Amino acid sequence: MFNFFLMFLFVLIPTASLSLDSYLRYRVAKNQPVSTAWKGCNHVLAILLIMQLLGLALYFFYLA
């Protein structure tokens, strides 16, 4: 269970965030409309990524 959590935290969130952000930038560059659901999902993934990086920084600052 913990192994899955670490995989989710360090592999799936950054990959999904980068992929979705690249896809949205591609759609904007091609002047194609982007729905608010995709934008909202991108914002949620960005917030999760920032929280992950802050948590990792706190971990290394306090425990390492």
PDB file of N, CA and C in Angstrom:
ATOM      1  N   MET A   1       0.827  -1.194   0.000  1.00  0.00           N
ATOM      2  CA  MET A   1       0.000   0.000   0.000  1.00  0.00           C
ATOM      3  C   MET A   1       0.873   1.261   0.000  1.00  0.00           C
ATOM      4  N   PHE A   2       1.895   1.256   0.844  1.00  0.00           N
ATOM      5  CA  PHE A   2       2.788   2.414   0.908  1.00  0.00           C
ATOM      6  C   PHE A   2       3.565   2.575  -0.393  1.00  0.00           C
ATOM      7  N   ASN A   3       3.942   1.441  -1.004  1.00  0.00           N
ATOM      8  CA  ASN A   3       4.656   1.485  -2.280  1.00  0.00           C
ATOM      9  C   ASN A   3       3.781   2.124  -3.356  1.00  0.00           C
ATOM     10  N   PHE A   4       2.496   1.777  -3.379  1.00  0.00           N
ATOM     11  CA  PHE A   4       1.579   2.387  -4.339  1.00  0.00           C
ATOM     12  C   PHE A   4       1.441   3.880  -4.079  1.00  0.00           C
ATOM     13  N   PHE A   5       1.389   4.266  -2.814  1.00  0.00           N
ATOM     14  CA  PHE A   5       1.287   5.684  -2.474  1.00  0.00           C
ATOM     15  C   PHE A   5       2.506   6.459  -2.969  1.00  0.00           C
ATOM     16  N   LEU A   6       3.700   5.896  -2.776  1.00  0.00           N
ATOM     17  CA  LEU A   6       4.903   6.570  -3.255  1.00  0.00           C
ATOM     18  C   LEU A   6       4.928   6.648  -4.770  1.00  0.00           C
ATOM     19  N   MET A   7       4.492   5.576  -5.437  1.00  0.00           N
ATOM     20  CA  MET A   7       4.449   5.602  -6.892  1.00  0.00           C
ATOM     21  C   MET A   7       3.462   6.675  -7.359  1.00  0.00           C
ATOM     22  N   PHE A   8       2.303   6.743  -6.721  1.00  0.00           N
ATOM     23  CA  PHE A   8       1.305   7.756  -7.066  1.00  0.00           C
ATOM     24  C   PHE A   8       1.861   9.153  -6.851  1.00  0.00           C
ATOM     25  N   LEU A   9       2.568   9.334  -5.743  1.00  0.00           N
ATOM     26  CA  LEU A   9       3.064  10.657  -5.384  1.00  0.00           C
ATOM     27  C   LEU A   9       4.180  11.130  -6.297  1.00  0.00           C
ATOM     28  N   PHE A  10       5.130  10.260  -6.597  1.00  0.00           N
ATOM     29  CA  PHE A  10       6.334  10.702  -7.297  1.00  0.00           C
ATOM     30  C   PHE A  10       6.358  10.372  -8.781  1.00  0.00           C
ATOM     31  N   VAL A  11       5.416   9.562  -9.266  1.00  0.00           N
ATOM     32  CA  VAL A  11       5.418   9.198 -10.682  1.00  0.00           C
ATOM     33  C   VAL A  11       4.160   9.699 -11.378  1.00  0.00           C
ATOM     34  N   LEU A  12       3.005   9.372 -10.854  1.00  0.00           N
ATOM     35  CA  LEU A  12       1.771   9.663 -11.570  1.00  0.00           C
ATOM     36  C   LEU A  12       1.384  11.140 -11.546  1.00  0.00           C
ATOM     37  N   ILE A  13       1.521  11.795 -10.417  1.00  0.00           N
ATOM     38  CA  ILE A  13       1.128  13.208 -10.341  1.00  0.00           C
ATOM     39  C   ILE A  13       1.989  14.088 -11.251  1.00  0.00           C
ATOM     40  N   PRO A  14       3.333  14.003 -11.190  1.00  0.00           N
ATOM     41  CA  PRO A  14       4.115  14.861 -12.099  1.00  0.00           C
ATOM     42  C   PRO A  14       3.900  14.528 -13.570  1.00  0.00           C
ATOM     43  N   THR A  15       3.770  13.242 -13.891  1.00  0.00           N
ATOM     44  CA  THR A  15       3.564  12.850 -15.286  1.00  0.00           C
ATOM     45  C   THR A  15       2.228  13.357 -15.803  1.00  0.00           C
ATOM     46  N   ALA A  16       1.184  13.176 -15.021  1.00  0.00           N
ATOM     47  CA  ALA A  16      -0.138  13.641 -15.447  1.00  0.00           C
ATOM     48  C   ALA A  16      -0.181  15.162 -15.542  1.00  0.00           C
ATOM     49  N   SER A  17       0.452  15.837 -14.605  1.00  0.00           N
ATOM     50  CA  SER A  17       0.462  17.295 -14.623  1.00  0.00           C
ATOM     51  C   SER A  17       1.185  17.822 -15.858  1.00  0.00           C
ATOM     52  N   LEU A  18       2.344  17.259 -16.159  1.00  0.00           N
ATOM     53  CA  LEU A  18       3.105  17.704 -17.327  1.00  0.00           C
ATOM     54  C   LEU A  18       2.371  17.384 -18.623  1.00  0.00           C
ATOM     55  N   SER A  19       1.785  16.200 -18.701  1.00  0.00           N
ATOM     56  CA  SER A  19       1.073  15.809 -19.919  1.00  0.00           C
ATOM     57  C   SER A  19      -0.137  16.702 -20.167  1.00  0.00           C
ATOM     58  N   LEU A  20      -0.929  16.936 -19.141  1.00  0.00           N
ATOM     59  CA  LEU A  20      -2.123  17.761 -19.309  1.00  0.00           C
ATOM     60  C   LEU A  20      -1.758  19.209 -19.622  1.00  0.00           C
ATOM     61  N   ASP A  21      -0.731  19.724 -18.964  1.00  0.00           N
ATOM     62  CA  ASP A  21      -0.316  21.096 -19.240  1.00  0.00           C
ATOM     63  C   ASP A  21       0.190  21.230 -20.674  1.00  0.00           C
ATOM     64  N   SER A  22       0.942  20.255 -21.147  1.00  0.00           N
ATOM     65  CA  SER A  22       1.426  20.287 -22.533  1.00  0.00           C
ATOM     66  C   SER A  22       0.269  20.208 -23.516  1.00  0.00           C
ATOM     67  N   TYR A  23      -0.704  19.359 -23.217  1.00  0.00           N
ATOM     68  CA  TYR A  23      -1.869  19.230 -24.092  1.00  0.00           C
ATOM     69  C   TYR A  23      -2.659  20.541 -24.156  1.00  0.00           C
ATOM     70  N   LEU A  24      -2.857  21.186 -23.017  1.00  0.00           N
ATOM     71  CA  LEU A  24      -3.595  22.448 -23.010  1.00  0.00           C
ATOM     72  C   LEU A  24      -2.835  23.544 -23.748  1.00  0.00           C
ATOM     73  N   ARG A  25      -1.521  23.590 -23.589  1.00  0.00           N
ATOM     74  CA  ARG A  25      -0.729  24.580 -24.325  1.00  0.00           C
ATOM     75  C   ARG A  25      -0.798  24.325 -25.829  1.00  0.00           C
ATOM     76  N   TYR A  26      -0.812  23.053 -26.223  1.00  0.00           N
ATOM     77  CA  TYR A  26      -0.939  22.706 -27.641  1.00  0.00           C
ATOM     78  C   TYR A  26      -2.281  23.179 -28.186  1.00  0.00           C
ATOM     79  N   ARG A  27      -3.353  22.958 -27.428  1.00  0.00           N
ATOM     80  CA  ARG A  27      -4.682  23.383 -27.882  1.00  0.00           C
ATOM     81  C   ARG A  27      -4.773  24.903 -28.005  1.00  0.00           C
ATOM     82  N   VAL A  28      -4.175  25.608 -27.060  1.00  0.00           N
ATOM     83  CA  VAL A  28      -4.188  27.068 -27.118  1.00  0.00           C
ATOM     84  C   VAL A  28      -3.377  27.556 -28.320  1.00  0.00           C
ATOM     85  N   ALA A  29      -2.244  26.908 -28.588  1.00  0.00           N
ATOM     86  CA  ALA A  29      -1.413  27.315 -29.728  1.00  0.00           C
ATOM     87  C   ALA A  29      -2.122  27.083 -31.057  1.00  0.00           C
ATOM     88  N   LYS A  30      -2.969  26.076 -31.118  1.00  0.00           N
ATOM     89  CA  LYS A  30      -3.715  25.783 -32.343  1.00  0.00           C
ATOM     90  C   LYS A  30      -5.047  26.536 -32.408  1.00  0.00           C
ATOM     91  N   ASN A  31      -5.285  27.427 -31.452  1.00  0.00           N
ATOM     92  CA  ASN A  31      -6.534  28.201 -31.370  1.00  0.00           C
ATOM     93  C   ASN A  31      -7.765  27.306 -31.281  1.00  0.00           C
ATOM     94  N   GLN A  32      -7.639  26.218 -30.562  1.00  0.00           N
ATOM     95  CA  GLN A  32      -8.770  25.323 -30.319  1.00  0.00           C
ATOM     96  C   GLN A  32      -9.285  25.589 -28.907  1.00  0.00           C
ATOM     97  N   PRO A  33     -10.591  25.529 -28.720  1.00  0.00           N
ATOM     98  CA  PRO A  33     -11.138  25.837 -27.391  1.00  0.00           C
ATOM     99  C   PRO A  33     -10.756  24.782 -26.357  1.00  0.00           C
ATOM    100  N   VAL A  34     -10.567  25.250 -25.140  1.00  0.00           N
ATOM    101  CA  VAL A  34     -10.246  24.372 -24.014  1.00  0.00           C
ATOM    102  C   VAL A  34     -11.366  24.518 -22.999  1.00  0.00           C
ATOM    103  N   SER A  35     -11.969  23.402 -22.606  1.00  0.00           N
ATOM    104  CA  SER A  35     -13.101  23.468 -21.680  1.00  0.00           C
ATOM    105  C   SER A  35     -12.624  23.815 -20.270  1.00  0.00           C
ATOM    106  N   THR A  36     -13.548  24.315 -19.487  1.00  0.00           N
ATOM    107  CA  THR A  36     -13.212  24.687 -18.113  1.00  0.00           C
ATOM    108  C   THR A  36     -12.924  23.461 -17.252  1.00  0.00           C
ATOM    109  N   ALA A  37     -13.466  22.302 -17.633  1.00  0.00           N
ATOM    110  CA  ALA A  37     -13.174  21.082 -16.876  1.00  0.00           C
ATOM    111  C   ALA A  37     -11.695  20.713 -17.002  1.00  0.00           C
ATOM    112  N   TRP A  38     -11.153  20.829 -18.210  1.00  0.00           N
ATOM    113  CA  TRP A  38      -9.729  20.539 -18.404  1.00  0.00           C
ATOM    114  C   TRP A  38      -8.868  21.553 -17.666  1.00  0.00           C
ATOM    115  N   LYS A  39      -9.277  22.820 -17.693  1.00  0.00           N
ATOM    116  CA  LYS A  39      -8.525  23.852 -16.977  1.00  0.00           C
ATOM    117  C   LYS A  39      -8.556  23.595 -15.475  1.00  0.00           C
ATOM    118  N   GLY A  40      -9.726  23.215 -14.962  1.00  0.00           N
ATOM    119  CA  GLY A  40      -9.844  22.916 -13.541  1.00  0.00           C
ATOM    120  C   GLY A  40      -8.999  21.727 -13.133  1.00  0.00           C
ATOM    121  N   CYS A  41      -9.000  20.696 -13.963  1.00  0.00           N
ATOM    122  CA  CYS A  41      -8.176  19.516 -13.689  1.00  0.00           C
ATOM    123  C   CYS A  41      -6.696  19.892 -13.695  1.00  0.00           C
ATOM    124  N   ASN A  42      -6.313  20.761 -14.614  1.00  0.00           N
ATOM    125  CA  ASN A  42      -4.925  21.213 -14.673  1.00  0.00           C
ATOM    126  C   ASN A  42      -4.554  21.994 -13.420  1.00  0.00           C
ATOM    127  N   HIS A  43      -5.462  22.824 -12.920  1.00  0.00           N
ATOM    128  CA  HIS A  43      -5.197  23.583 -11.699  1.00  0.00           C
ATOM    129  C   HIS A  43      -5.064  22.658 -10.492  1.00  0.00           C
ATOM    130  N   VAL A  44      -5.915  21.647 -10.412  1.00  0.00           N
ATOM    131  CA  VAL A  44      -5.842  20.701  -9.293  1.00  0.00           C
ATOM    132  C   VAL A  44      -4.516  19.949  -9.321  1.00  0.00           C
ATOM    133  N   LEU A  45      -4.108  19.482 -10.502  1.00  0.00           N
ATOM    134  CA  LEU A  45      -2.830  18.773 -10.604  1.00  0.00           C
ATOM    135  C   LEU A  45      -1.657  19.697 -10.283  1.00  0.00           C
ATOM    136  N   ALA A  46      -1.747  20.956 -10.683  1.00  0.00           N
ATOM    137  CA  ALA A  46      -0.674  21.902 -10.364  1.00  0.00           C
ATOM    138  C   ALA A  46      -0.585  22.130  -8.857  1.00  0.00           C
ATOM    139  N   ILE A  47      -1.723  22.232  -8.202  1.00  0.00           N
ATOM    140  CA  ILE A  47      -1.727  22.408  -6.745  1.00  0.00           C
ATOM    141  C   ILE A  47      -1.154  21.175  -6.059  1.00  0.00           C
ATOM    142  N   LEU A  48      -1.530  19.981  -6.525  1.00  0.00           N
ATOM    143  CA  LEU A  48      -0.972  18.752  -5.953  1.00  0.00           C
ATOM    144  C   LEU A  48       0.535  18.683  -6.149  1.00  0.00           C
ATOM    145  N   LEU A  49       1.000  19.112  -7.306  1.00  0.00           N
ATOM    146  CA  LEU A  49       2.436  19.094  -7.576  1.00  0.00           C
ATOM    147  C   LEU A  49       3.178  20.072  -6.673  1.00  0.00           C
ATOM    148  N   ILE A  50       2.617  21.253  -6.465  1.00  0.00           N
ATOM    149  CA  ILE A  50       3.251  22.228  -5.574  1.00  0.00           C
ATOM    150  C   ILE A  50       3.264  21.707  -4.140  1.00  0.00           C
ATOM    151  N   MET A  51       2.166  21.098  -3.703  1.00  0.00           N
ATOM    152  CA  MET A  51       2.122  20.526  -2.356  1.00  0.00           C
ATOM    153  C   MET A  51       3.144  19.406  -2.211  1.00  0.00           C
ATOM    154  N   GLN A  52       3.303  18.601  -3.254  1.00  0.00           N
ATOM    155  CA  GLN A  52       4.278  17.516  -3.219  1.00  0.00           C
ATOM    156  C   GLN A  52       5.694  18.077  -3.086  1.00  0.00           C
ATOM    157  N   LEU A  53       6.015  19.106  -3.854  1.00  0.00           N
ATOM    158  CA  LEU A  53       7.355  19.687  -3.790  1.00  0.00           C
ATOM    159  C   LEU A  53       7.611  20.357  -2.444  1.00  0.00           C
ATOM    160  N   LEU A  54       6.601  21.021  -1.890  1.00  0.00           N
ATOM    161  CA  LEU A  54       6.761  21.622  -0.563  1.00  0.00           C
ATOM    162  C   LEU A  54       6.953  20.552   0.508  1.00  0.00           C
ATOM    163  N   GLY A  55       6.188  19.480   0.412  1.00  0.00           N
ATOM    164  CA  GLY A  55       6.343  18.379   1.358  1.00  0.00           C
ATOM    165  C   GLY A  55       7.709  17.736   1.265  1.00  0.00           C
ATOM    166  N   LEU A  56       8.205  17.575   0.055  1.00  0.00           N
ATOM    167  CA  LEU A  56       9.533  16.997  -0.132  1.00  0.00           C
ATOM    168  C   LEU A  56      10.610  17.924   0.426  1.00  0.00           C
ATOM    169  N   ALA A  57      10.452  19.224   0.219  1.00  0.00           N
ATOM    170  CA  ALA A  57      11.418  20.186   0.758  1.00  0.00           C
ATOM    171  C   ALA A  57      11.395  20.173   2.286  1.00  0.00           C
ATOM    172  N   LEU A  58      10.209  20.124   2.869  1.00  0.00           N
ATOM    173  CA  LEU A  58      10.117  20.055   4.334  1.00  0.00           C
ATOM    174  C   LEU A  58      10.720  18.766   4.864  1.00  0.00           C
ATOM    175  N   TYR A  59      10.495  17.681   4.155  1.00  0.00           N
ATOM    176  CA  TYR A  59      11.061  16.397   4.572  1.00  0.00           C
ATOM    177  C   TYR A  59      12.583  16.473   4.603  1.00  0.00           C
ATOM    178  N   PHE A  60      13.183  16.984   3.535  1.00  0.00           N
ATOM    179  CA  PHE A  60      14.641  17.050   3.491  1.00  0.00           C
ATOM    180  C   PHE A  60      15.192  18.090   4.463  1.00  0.00           C
ATOM    181  N   PHE A  61      14.431  19.139   4.724  1.00  0.00           N
ATOM    182  CA  PHE A  61      14.908  20.175   5.633  1.00  0.00           C
ATOM    183  C   PHE A  61      14.884  19.700   7.086  1.00  0.00           C
ATOM    184  N   TYR A  62      13.835  18.985   7.472  1.00  0.00           N
ATOM    185  CA  TYR A  62      13.683  18.607   8.875  1.00  0.00           C
ATOM    186  C   TYR A  62      14.207  17.219   9.205  1.00  0.00           C
ATOM    187  N   LEU A  63      14.088  16.274   8.285  1.00  0.00           N
ATOM    188  CA  LEU A  63      14.421  14.898   8.633  1.00  0.00           C
ATOM    189  C   LEU A  63      15.764  14.428   8.101  1.00  0.00           C
ATOM    190  N   ALA A  64      16.276  15.085   7.098  1.00  0.00           N
ATOM    191  CA  ALA A  64      17.535  14.605   6.510  1.00  0.00           C
ATOM    192  C   ALA A  64      18.731  15.287   7.152  1.00  0.00           C
TER     193      ALA A  64
END
